[in-house]
């Protein structure tokens, strides 16, 4: 078995972040954009845990715990906003949600 190194963790984290960024820039559905933003958040937490493990301290793991707690609240609020937009406009396409007015 090949041991996991810091380079491997950072490579996975960078790939996840790049995939999330690509999804945010290219997709038009607000739900998919929201999921890609969450993927970028998970990529940053993977990097934090990798640095924490590499340095032998638990500070990064504690930060990840708080980040995931806040992310859970963010998901609830974000999905509520998306549902409210869908009820008001009958669409979740970003192109059609270009104005905050009726």
Protein backbone atom coordinates (compact mmCIF):
# COMPACT_ATOMS: atom_id res chain seq x y z
CA UNK A 1 0.00 0.00 0.00
CA UNK A 2 1.30 3.44 -0.93
CA UNK A 3 1.37 5.84 2.03
CA UNK A 4 -0.68 9.02 1.71
CA UNK A 5 1.56 12.06 1.43
CA UNK A 6 0.93 15.76 1.76
CA UNK A 7 1.41 16.15 -1.99
CA UNK A 8 -1.28 13.58 -2.71
CA UNK A 9 -3.77 15.24 -0.37
CA UNK A 10 -3.08 18.66 -1.85
CA UNK A 11 -3.41 17.27 -5.38
CA UNK A 12 -6.84 15.83 -4.54
CA UNK A 13 -7.83 19.07 -2.83
CA UNK A 14 -6.71 21.15 -5.80
CA UNK A 15 -8.54 18.89 -8.24
CA UNK A 16 -11.77 19.11 -6.19
CA UNK A 17 -11.46 22.88 -5.97
CA UNK A 18 -10.81 23.21 -9.70
CA UNK A 19 -13.78 20.97 -10.49
CA UNK A 20 -16.00 23.07 -8.22
CA UNK A 21 -14.76 26.32 -9.74
CA UNK A 22 -15.35 24.99 -13.23
CA UNK A 23 -18.88 24.01 -12.25
CA UNK A 24 -19.61 27.45 -10.80
CA UNK A 25 -18.35 29.19 -13.92
CA UNK A 26 -19.98 26.93 -16.52
CA UNK A 27 -23.30 25.74 -15.10
CA UNK A 28 -26.60 27.62 -15.28
CA UNK A 29 -28.70 25.74 -12.72
CA UNK A 30 -28.61 27.34 -9.26
CA UNK A 31 -28.72 23.98 -7.49
CA UNK A 32 -25.69 22.73 -9.41
CA UNK A 33 -23.84 26.00 -8.77
CA UNK A 34 -24.65 25.67 -5.07
CA UNK A 35 -23.34 22.08 -5.01
CA UNK A 36 -20.15 23.20 -6.76
CA UNK A 37 -19.64 25.90 -4.14
CA UNK A 38 -19.99 23.22 -1.46
CA UNK A 39 -17.45 21.08 -3.34
CA UNK A 40 -15.00 23.98 -3.20
CA UNK A 41 -15.60 24.27 0.55
CA UNK A 42 -14.91 20.55 1.00
CA UNK A 43 -11.70 20.90 -1.03
CA UNK A 44 -10.47 23.60 1.33
CA UNK A 45 -11.26 21.43 4.36
CA UNK A 46 -9.32 18.53 2.82
CA UNK A 47 -6.31 20.81 2.47
CA UNK A 48 -6.71 22.00 6.06
CA UNK A 49 -6.80 18.43 7.37
CA UNK A 50 -3.79 17.52 5.23
CA UNK A 51 -1.72 20.38 6.64
CA UNK A 52 -2.90 19.53 10.14
CA UNK A 53 -1.82 15.92 9.75
CA UNK A 54 1.48 16.91 8.15
CA UNK A 55 2.33 19.27 11.03
CA UNK A 56 1.14 16.81 13.69
CA UNK A 57 -1.27 19.22 15.38
CA UNK A 58 -5.06 19.16 15.67
CA UNK A 59 -5.74 22.83 14.95
CA UNK A 60 -6.79 22.17 11.36
CA UNK A 61 -9.19 19.44 12.45
CA UNK A 62 -10.84 21.80 14.91
CA UNK A 63 -11.25 24.43 12.19
CA UNK A 64 -12.77 21.80 9.89
CA UNK A 65 -15.31 20.91 12.58
CA UNK A 66 -16.44 24.53 12.80
CA UNK A 67 -16.38 24.98 9.01
CA UNK A 68 -18.65 21.96 8.51
CA UNK A 69 -21.00 23.19 11.23
CA UNK A 70 -21.33 26.56 9.53
CA UNK A 71 -21.65 24.83 6.13
CA UNK A 72 -24.66 22.87 7.39
CA UNK A 73 -26.39 26.12 8.34
CA UNK A 74 -25.36 27.63 5.00
CA UNK A 75 -26.94 24.74 3.11
CA UNK A 76 -30.22 25.20 4.96
CA UNK A 77 -30.33 28.94 4.23
CA UNK A 78 -29.14 28.53 0.63
CA UNK A 79 -31.72 25.90 -0.19
CA UNK A 80 -34.45 28.02 1.41
CA UNK A 81 -33.43 30.94 -0.82
CA UNK A 82 -33.42 28.72 -3.91
CA UNK A 83 -36.88 27.34 -3.05
CA UNK A 84 -38.20 30.88 -2.50
CA UNK A 85 -36.77 31.98 -5.87
CA UNK A 86 -38.34 29.00 -7.58
CA UNK A 87 -41.74 29.71 -6.04
CA UNK A 88 -41.55 33.34 -7.11
CA UNK A 89 -40.08 32.94 -10.62
CA UNK A 90 -40.88 29.29 -11.50
CA UNK A 91 -37.28 28.69 -12.60
CA UNK A 92 -33.87 27.92 -11.13
CA UNK A 93 -31.81 28.96 -14.15
CA UNK A 94 -29.22 31.62 -13.34
CA UNK A 95 -29.75 33.42 -16.66
CA UNK A 96 -33.40 34.05 -15.88
CA UNK A 97 -32.72 35.29 -12.32
CA UNK A 98 -30.86 38.42 -13.36
CA UNK A 99 -33.03 40.90 -11.46
CA UNK A 100 -34.16 41.16 -7.85
CA UNK A 101 -37.39 42.85 -8.92
CA UNK A 102 -40.57 40.99 -9.86
